[in-house]
PDB file of N, CA and C in Angstrom:
ATOM      1  N   MET A   1     106.390  80.064  94.429  1.00  0.00           N
ATOM      2  CA  MET A   1     105.321  80.566  95.268  1.00  0.00           C
ATOM      3  C   MET A   1     104.256  79.497  95.441  1.00  0.00           C
ATOM      4  N   PHE A   2     103.697  79.443  96.645  1.00  0.00           N
ATOM      5  CA  PHE A   2     102.580  78.547  96.904  1.00  0.00           C
ATOM      6  C   PHE A   2     101.330  79.166  96.286  1.00  0.00           C
ATOM      7  N   GLN A   3     100.513  78.384  95.603  1.00  0.00           N
ATOM      8  CA  GLN A   3      99.313  78.921  94.984  1.00  0.00           C
ATOM      9  C   GLN A   3      98.062  78.665  95.824  1.00  0.00           C
ATOM     10  N   SER A   4      98.076  77.630  96.664  1.00  0.00           N
ATOM     11  CA  SER A   4      96.906  77.381  97.494  1.00  0.00           C
ATOM     12  C   SER A   4      96.871  78.398  98.640  1.00  0.00           C
ATOM     13  N   ARG A   5      95.724  78.538  99.226  1.00  0.00           N
ATOM     14  CA  ARG A   5      95.573  79.488 100.337  1.00  0.00           C
ATOM     15  C   ARG A   5      96.178  78.875 101.599  1.00  0.00           C
ATOM     16  N   SER A   6      96.870  79.693 102.335  1.00  0.00           N
ATOM     17  CA  SER A   6      97.503  79.213 103.554  1.00  0.00           C
ATOM     18  C   SER A   6      97.307  80.232 104.671  1.00  0.00           C
ATOM     19  N   THR A   7      97.724  79.839 105.852  1.00  0.00           N
ATOM     20  CA  THR A   7      97.684  80.720 107.015  1.00  0.00           C
ATOM     21  C   THR A   7      99.122  81.086 107.358  1.00  0.00           C
ATOM     22  N   ILE A   8      99.343  82.363 107.596  1.00  0.00           N
ATOM     23  CA  ILE A   8     100.678  82.881 107.890  1.00  0.00           C
ATOM     24  C   ILE A   8     100.674  83.525 109.271  1.00  0.00           C
ATOM     25  N   LEU A   9     101.702  83.229 110.056  1.00  0.00           N
ATOM     26  CA  LEU A   9     101.886  83.847 111.363  1.00  0.00           C
ATOM     27  C   LEU A   9     103.052  84.825 111.281  1.00  0.00           C
ATOM     28  N   VAL A  10     102.855  86.025 111.798  1.00  0.00           N
ATOM     29  CA  VAL A  10     103.939  86.998 111.919  1.00  0.00           C
ATOM     30  C   VAL A  10     104.160  87.221 113.411  1.00  0.00           C
ATOM     31  N   ASP A  11     105.298  86.762 113.906  1.00  0.00           N
ATOM     32  CA  ASP A  11     105.648  86.865 115.325  1.00  0.00           C
ATOM     33  C   ASP A  11     106.310  88.221 115.553  1.00  0.00           C
ATOM     34  N   GLN A  12     105.604  89.111 116.214  1.00  0.00           N
ATOM     35  CA  GLN A  12     106.088  90.471 116.407  1.00  0.00           C
ATOM     36  C   GLN A  12     107.281  90.552 117.364  1.00  0.00           C
ATOM     37  N   CYS A  13     107.363  89.662 118.329  1.00  0.00           N
ATOM     38  CA  CYS A  13     108.516  89.655 119.243  1.00  0.00           C
ATOM     39  C   CYS A  13     109.774  89.231 118.499  1.00  0.00           C
ATOM     40  N   LYS A  14     109.679  88.160 117.716  1.00  0.00           N
ATOM     41  CA  LYS A  14     110.832  87.706 116.932  1.00  0.00           C
ATOM     42  C   LYS A  14     111.231  88.741 115.888  1.00  0.00           C
ATOM     43  N   ALA A  15     110.231  89.416 115.310  1.00  0.00           N
ATOM     44  CA  ALA A  15     110.525  90.462 114.328  1.00  0.00           C
ATOM     45  C   ALA A  15     111.311  91.587 114.990  1.00  0.00           C
ATOM     46  N   ALA A  16     110.890  92.009 116.168  1.00  0.00           N
ATOM     47  CA  ALA A  16     111.583  93.085 116.884  1.00  0.00           C
ATOM     48  C   ALA A  16     113.007  92.663 117.242  1.00  0.00           C
ATOM     49  N   MET A  17     113.190  91.415 117.653  1.00  0.00           N
ATOM     50  CA  MET A  17     114.535  90.934 117.975  1.00  0.00           C
ATOM     51  C   MET A  17     115.422  90.911 116.725  1.00  0.00           C
ATOM     52  N   ALA A  18     114.810  90.747 115.554  1.00  0.00           N
ATOM     53  CA  ALA A  18     115.554  90.762 114.291  1.00  0.00           C
ATOM     54  C   ALA A  18     115.725  92.184 113.747  1.00  0.00           C
ATOM     55  N   GLY A  19     115.177  93.181 114.466  1.00  0.00           N
ATOM     56  CA  GLY A  19     115.326  94.573 114.058  1.00  0.00           C
ATOM     57  C   GLY A  19     114.235  95.076 113.127  1.00  0.00           C
ATOM     58  N   ASP A  20     113.173  94.298 112.961  1.00  0.00           N
ATOM     59  CA  ASP A  20     112.063  94.705 112.091  1.00  0.00           C
ATOM     60  C   ASP A  20     110.903  95.152 112.970  1.00  0.00           C
ATOM     61  N   PHE A  21     110.643  96.453 112.986  1.00  0.00           N
ATOM     62  CA  PHE A  21     109.604  97.015 113.848  1.00  0.00           C
ATOM     63  C   PHE A  21     108.368  97.446 113.058  1.00  0.00           C
ATOM     64  N   ARG A  22     108.259  96.963 111.810  1.00  0.00           N
ATOM     65  CA  ARG A  22     107.099  97.321 110.990  1.00  0.00           C
ATOM     66  C   ARG A  22     105.841  96.616 111.499  1.00  0.00           C
ATOM     67  N   HIS A  23     104.704  97.203 111.145  1.00  0.00           N
ATOM     68  CA  HIS A  23     103.421  96.567 111.433  1.00  0.00           C
ATOM     69  C   HIS A  23     103.357  95.253 110.654  1.00  0.00           C
ATOM     70  N   PRO A  24     102.774  94.195 111.219  1.00  0.00           N
ATOM     71  CA  PRO A  24     102.711  92.911 110.512  1.00  0.00           C
ATOM     72  C   PRO A  24     102.086  93.004 109.113  1.00  0.00           C
ATOM     73  N   ALA A  25     101.078  93.854 108.932  1.00  0.00           N
ATOM     74  CA  ALA A  25     100.479  94.007 107.603  1.00  0.00           C
ATOM     75  C   ALA A  25     101.484  94.601 106.623  1.00  0.00           C
ATOM     76  N   SER A  26     102.371  95.467 107.096  1.00  0.00           N
ATOM     77  CA  SER A  26     103.418  96.024 106.248  1.00  0.00           C
ATOM     78  C   SER A  26     104.422  94.949 105.849  1.00  0.00           C
ATOM     79  N   VAL A  27     104.727  94.058 106.772  1.00  0.00           N
ATOM     80  CA  VAL A  27     105.624  92.939 106.466  1.00  0.00           C
ATOM     81  C   VAL A  27     105.013  92.094 105.351  1.00  0.00           C
ATOM     82  N   MET A  28     103.732  91.779 105.475  1.00  0.00           N
ATOM     83  CA  MET A  28     103.044  90.973 104.452  1.00  0.00           C
ATOM     84  C   MET A  28     103.051  91.693 103.112  1.00  0.00           C
ATOM     85  N   ASN A  29     102.802  92.983 103.139  1.00  0.00           N
ATOM     86  CA  ASN A  29     102.788  93.779 101.907  1.00  0.00           C
ATOM     87  C   ASN A  29     104.158  93.770 101.230  1.00  0.00           C
ATOM     88  N   MET A  30     105.224  93.964 101.997  1.00  0.00           N
ATOM     89  CA  MET A  30     106.573  93.987 101.426  1.00  0.00           C
ATOM     90  C   MET A  30     106.968  92.622 100.859  1.00  0.00           C
ATOM     91  N   LEU A  31     106.422  91.542 101.421  1.00  0.00           N
ATOM     92  CA  LEU A  31     106.705  90.203 100.904  1.00  0.00           C
ATOM     93  C   LEU A  31     105.835  89.866  99.696  1.00  0.00           C
ATOM     94  N   GLY A  32     104.840  90.727  99.423  1.00  0.00           N
ATOM     95  CA  GLY A  32     103.949  90.492  98.283  1.00  0.00           C
ATOM     96  C   GLY A  32     102.868  89.468  98.548  1.00  0.00           C
ATOM     97  N   ILE A  33     102.586  89.213  99.815  1.00  0.00           N
ATOM     98  CA  ILE A  33     101.589  88.219 100.197  1.00  0.00           C
ATOM     99  C   ILE A  33     100.219  88.885 100.298  1.00  0.00           C
ATOM    100  N   ASP A  34      99.237  88.308  99.622  1.00  0.00           N
ATOM    101  CA  ASP A  34      97.846  88.756  99.730  1.00  0.00           C
ATOM    102  C   ASP A  34      97.148  87.895 100.767  1.00  0.00           C
ATOM    103  N   TYR A  35      96.166  88.472 101.464  1.00  0.00           N
ATOM    104  CA  TYR A  35      95.429  87.707 102.471  1.00  0.00           C
ATOM    105  C   TYR A  35      93.987  88.189 102.528  1.00  0.00           C
ATOM    106  N   GLU A  36      93.119  87.308 103.045  1.00  0.00           N
ATOM    107  CA  GLU A  36      91.690  87.635 103.143  1.00  0.00           C
ATOM    108  C   GLU A  36      91.383  88.439 104.398  1.00  0.00           C
ATOM    109  N   TYR A  37      91.889  87.986 105.544  1.00  0.00           N
ATOM    110  CA  TYR A  37      91.666  88.723 106.787  1.00  0.00           C
ATOM    111  C   TYR A  37      92.745  88.360 107.796  1.00  0.00           C
ATOM    112  N   ALA A  38      92.864  89.182 108.831  1.00  0.00           N
ATOM    113  CA  ALA A  38      93.883  88.985 109.862  1.00  0.00           C
ATOM    114  C   ALA A  38      93.255  89.108 111.235  1.00  0.00           C
ATOM    115  N   GLN A  39      93.903  88.472 112.201  1.00  0.00           N
ATOM    116  CA  GLN A  39      93.457  88.578 113.583  1.00  0.00           C
ATOM    117  C   GLN A  39      94.651  88.389 114.498  1.00  0.00           C
ATOM    118  N   ASP A  40      94.541  88.934 115.704  1.00  0.00           N
ATOM    119  CA  ASP A  40      95.586  88.768 116.713  1.00  0.00           C
ATOM    120  C   ASP A  40      95.347  87.469 117.461  1.00  0.00           C
ATOM    121  N   ASP A  41      96.434  86.838 117.881  1.00  0.00           N
ATOM    122  CA  ASP A  41      96.337  85.698 118.794  1.00  0.00           C
ATOM    123  C   ASP A  41      96.513  86.289 120.185  1.00  0.00           C
ATOM    124  N   PRO A  42      95.473  86.266 121.020  1.00  0.00           N
ATOM    125  CA  PRO A  42      95.529  86.939 122.318  1.00  0.00           C
ATOM    126  C   PRO A  42      96.517  86.309 123.304  1.00  0.00           C
ATOM    127  N   ARG A  43      96.947  85.074 123.042  1.00  0.00           N
ATOM    128  CA  ARG A  43      97.858  84.399 123.974  1.00  0.00           C
ATOM    129  C   ARG A  43      99.313  84.793 123.769  1.00  0.00           C
ATOM    130  N   VAL A  44      99.653  85.161 122.545  1.00  0.00           N
ATOM    131  CA  VAL A  44     101.038  85.515 122.216  1.00  0.00           C
ATOM    132  C   VAL A  44     101.030  86.737 121.310  1.00  0.00           C
ATOM    133  N   ASP A  45     102.187  87.326 121.112  1.00  0.00           N
ATOM    134  CA  ASP A  45     102.288  88.537 120.294  1.00  0.00           C
ATOM    135  C   ASP A  45     102.455  88.160 118.826  1.00  0.00           C
ATOM    136  N   VAL A  46     101.412  87.526 118.274  1.00  0.00           N
ATOM    137  CA  VAL A  46     101.436  87.032 116.904  1.00  0.00           C
ATOM    138  C   VAL A  46     100.212  87.545 116.163  1.00  0.00           C
ATOM    139  N   ARG A  47     100.428  87.969 114.934  1.00  0.00           N
ATOM    140  CA  ARG A  47      99.321  88.345 114.047  1.00  0.00           C
ATOM    141  C   ARG A  47      99.124  87.190 113.076  1.00  0.00           C
ATOM    142  N   VAL A  48      97.880  86.727 112.940  1.00  0.00           N
ATOM    143  CA  VAL A  48      97.553  85.577 112.102  1.00  0.00           C
ATOM    144  C   VAL A  48      96.826  86.081 110.854  1.00  0.00           C
ATOM    145  N   PHE A  49      97.345  85.718 109.689  1.00  0.00           N
ATOM    146  CA  PHE A  49      96.767  86.115 108.411  1.00  0.00           C
ATOM    147  C   PHE A  49      96.183  84.874 107.737  1.00  0.00           C
ATOM    148  N   HIS A  50      94.913  84.949 107.373  1.00  0.00           N
ATOM    149  CA  HIS A  50      94.203  83.808 106.791  1.00  0.00           C
ATOM    150  C   HIS A  50      93.957  84.012 105.301  1.00  0.00           C
ATOM    151  N   GLY A  51      93.871  82.899 104.578  1.00  0.00           N
ATOM    152  CA  GLY A  51      93.579  82.944 103.150  1.00  0.00           C
ATOM    153  C   GLY A  51      94.695  83.577 102.342  1.00  0.00           C
ATOM    154  N   CYS A  52      95.934  83.292 102.698  1.00  0.00           N
ATOM    155  CA  CYS A  52      97.089  83.914 102.053  1.00  0.00           C
ATOM    156  C   CYS A  52      97.406  83.264 100.707  1.00  0.00           C
ATOM    157  N   THR A  53      97.749  84.092  99.753  1.00  0.00           N
ATOM    158  CA  THR A  53      98.218  83.639  98.443  1.00  0.00           C
ATOM    159  C   THR A  53      99.488  84.419  98.094  1.00  0.00           C
ATOM    160  N   ASN A  54     100.185  83.971  97.061  1.00  0.00           N
ATOM    161  CA  ASN A  54     101.443  84.596  96.624  1.00  0.00           C
ATOM    162  C   ASN A  54     102.509  84.546  97.709  1.00  0.00           C
ATOM    163  N   VAL A  55     102.573  83.412  98.410  1.00  0.00           N
ATOM    164  CA  VAL A  55     103.540  83.259  99.499  1.00  0.00           C
ATOM    165  C   VAL A  55     104.881  82.811  98.917  1.00  0.00           C
ATOM    166  N   PRO A  56     105.930  83.620  99.077  1.00  0.00           N
ATOM    167  CA  PRO A  56     107.237  83.214  98.558  1.00  0.00           C
ATOM    168  C   PRO A  56     107.828  82.092  99.405  1.00  0.00           C
ATOM    169  N   ARG A  57     108.745  81.346  98.834  1.00  0.00           N
ATOM    170  CA  ARG A  57     109.365  80.229  99.554  1.00  0.00           C
ATOM    171  C   ARG A  57     110.314  80.705 100.652  1.00  0.00           C
ATOM    172  N   GLY A  58     111.049  81.752 100.422  1.00  0.00           N
ATOM    173  CA  GLY A  58     111.994  82.250 101.419  1.00  0.00           C
ATOM    174  C   GLY A  58     111.360  83.297 102.302  1.00  0.00           C
ATOM    175  N   LEU A  59     110.996  82.921 103.518  1.00  0.00           N
ATOM    176  CA  LEU A  59     110.363  83.857 104.457  1.00  0.00           C
ATOM    177  C   LEU A  59     111.327  84.219 105.564  1.00  0.00           C
ATOM    178  N   PRO A  60     111.217  85.424 106.120  1.00  0.00           N
ATOM    179  CA  PRO A  60     112.036  85.773 107.287  1.00  0.00           C
ATOM    180  C   PRO A  60     111.748  84.809 108.438  1.00  0.00           C
ATOM    181  N   SER A  61     112.661  84.716 109.374  1.00  0.00           N
ATOM    182  CA  SER A  61     112.522  83.766 110.480  1.00  0.00           C
ATOM    183  C   SER A  61     111.296  84.021 111.348  1.00  0.00           C
ATOM    184  N   TYR A  62     110.770  85.229 111.341  1.00  0.00           N
ATOM    185  CA  TYR A  62     109.614  85.572 112.167  1.00  0.00           C
ATOM    186  C   TYR A  62     108.284  85.466 111.421  1.00  0.00           C
ATOM    187  N   VAL A  63     108.320  84.972 110.180  1.00  0.00           N
ATOM    188  CA  VAL A  63     107.116  84.753 109.377  1.00  0.00           C
ATOM    189  C   VAL A  63     107.031  83.269 109.069  1.00  0.00           C
ATOM    190  N   ARG A  64     105.893  82.660 109.431  1.00  0.00           N
ATOM    191  CA  ARG A  64     105.782  81.202 109.280  1.00  0.00           C
ATOM    192  C   ARG A  64     104.447  80.823 108.639  1.00  0.00           C
ATOM    193  N   ALA A  65     104.517  79.978 107.616  1.00  0.00           N
ATOM    194  CA  ALA A  65     103.315  79.427 106.992  1.00  0.00           C
ATOM    195  C   ALA A  65     102.929  78.158 107.744  1.00  0.00           C
ATOM    196  N   ILE A  66     101.647  78.038 108.103  1.00  0.00           N
ATOM    197  CA  ILE A  66     101.223  76.850 108.852  1.00  0.00           C
ATOM    198  C   ILE A  66     100.189  76.029 108.108  1.00  0.00           C
ATOM    199  N   GLY A  67      99.931  76.334 106.892  1.00  0.00           N
ATOM    200  CA  GLY A  67      98.979  75.494 106.168  1.00  0.00           C
ATOM    201  C   GLY A  67      98.552  76.069 104.859  1.00  0.00           C
TER     202      GLY A  67
END
Protein backbone atom coordinates (compact mmCIF):
# COMPACT_ATOMS: atom_id res chain seq x y z
CA MET A 1 0.00 0.00 0.00
CA PHE A 2 1.10 3.54 -0.71
CA GLN A 3 1.43 5.52 2.52
CA SER A 4 1.74 9.04 1.11
CA ARG A 5 -1.38 10.95 0.16
CA SER A 6 -2.37 10.68 -3.46
CA THR A 7 -5.14 11.66 -5.84
CA ILE A 8 -7.37 8.92 -7.23
CA LEU A 9 -9.62 9.12 -10.29
CA VAL A 10 -12.66 6.86 -10.63
CA ASP A 11 -13.87 6.83 -14.25
CA GLN A 12 -17.59 6.12 -14.10
CA CYS A 13 -17.91 5.36 -17.83
CA LYS A 14 -15.12 2.77 -17.73
CA ALA A 15 -16.59 1.34 -14.53
CA ALA A 16 -19.99 0.92 -16.20
CA MET A 17 -18.38 -0.75 -19.23
CA ALA A 18 -16.69 -3.16 -16.79
CA GLY A 19 -20.09 -3.89 -15.18
CA ASP A 20 -19.52 -1.89 -11.99
CA PHE A 21 -22.42 0.51 -11.46
CA ARG A 22 -21.62 1.44 -7.85
CA HIS A 23 -21.23 5.03 -6.71
CA PRO A 24 -17.54 6.06 -6.88
CA ALA A 25 -17.43 6.55 -3.09
CA SER A 26 -18.63 2.95 -2.70
CA VAL A 27 -15.83 1.78 -4.98
CA MET A 28 -13.30 3.62 -2.79
CA ASN A 29 -14.84 2.16 0.35
CA MET A 30 -14.72 -1.42 -0.99
CA LEU A 31 -11.04 -0.93 -1.92
CA GLY A 32 -10.33 0.32 1.61
CA ILE A 33 -9.11 3.70 0.40
CA ASP A 34 -9.53 6.67 2.74
CA TYR A 35 -9.75 10.19 1.31
CA GLU A 36 -10.08 13.78 2.52
CA TYR A 37 -12.55 15.10 -0.05
CA ALA A 38 -13.96 14.40 -3.50
CA GLN A 39 -15.11 16.44 -6.46
CA ASP A 40 -16.49 15.85 -9.94
CA ASP A 41 -14.50 16.74 -13.04
CA PRO A 42 -17.09 18.68 -15.08
CA ARG A 43 -15.36 17.88 -18.40
CA VAL A 44 -15.57 14.10 -18.11
CA ASP A 45 -17.51 11.53 -16.11
CA VAL A 46 -14.79 11.17 -13.47
CA ARG A 47 -14.90 11.53 -9.70
CA VAL A 48 -11.64 12.87 -8.23
CA PHE A 49 -10.66 11.88 -4.68
CA HIS A 50 -7.98 13.95 -2.94
CA GLY A 51 -5.74 13.14 0.01
CA CYS A 52 -6.07 9.38 -0.44
CA THR A 53 -4.32 6.92 1.86
CA ASN A 54 -4.35 3.10 2.13
CA VAL A 55 -4.23 2.77 -1.66
CA PRO A 56 -3.69 -0.87 -2.67
CA ARG A 57 -1.30 -1.67 -5.51
CA GLY A 58 -3.82 -3.63 -7.58
CA LEU A 59 -6.57 -1.26 -8.72
CA PRO A 60 -9.41 -1.95 -11.15
CA SER A 61 -8.85 -0.59 -14.65
CA TYR A 62 -11.28 2.29 -14.02
CA VAL A 63 -9.48 3.48 -10.85
CA ARG A 64 -6.24 5.39 -11.36
CA ALA A 65 -3.77 6.98 -8.94
CA ILE A 66 -2.23 10.17 -10.33
CA GLY A 67 0.02 11.30 -7.55
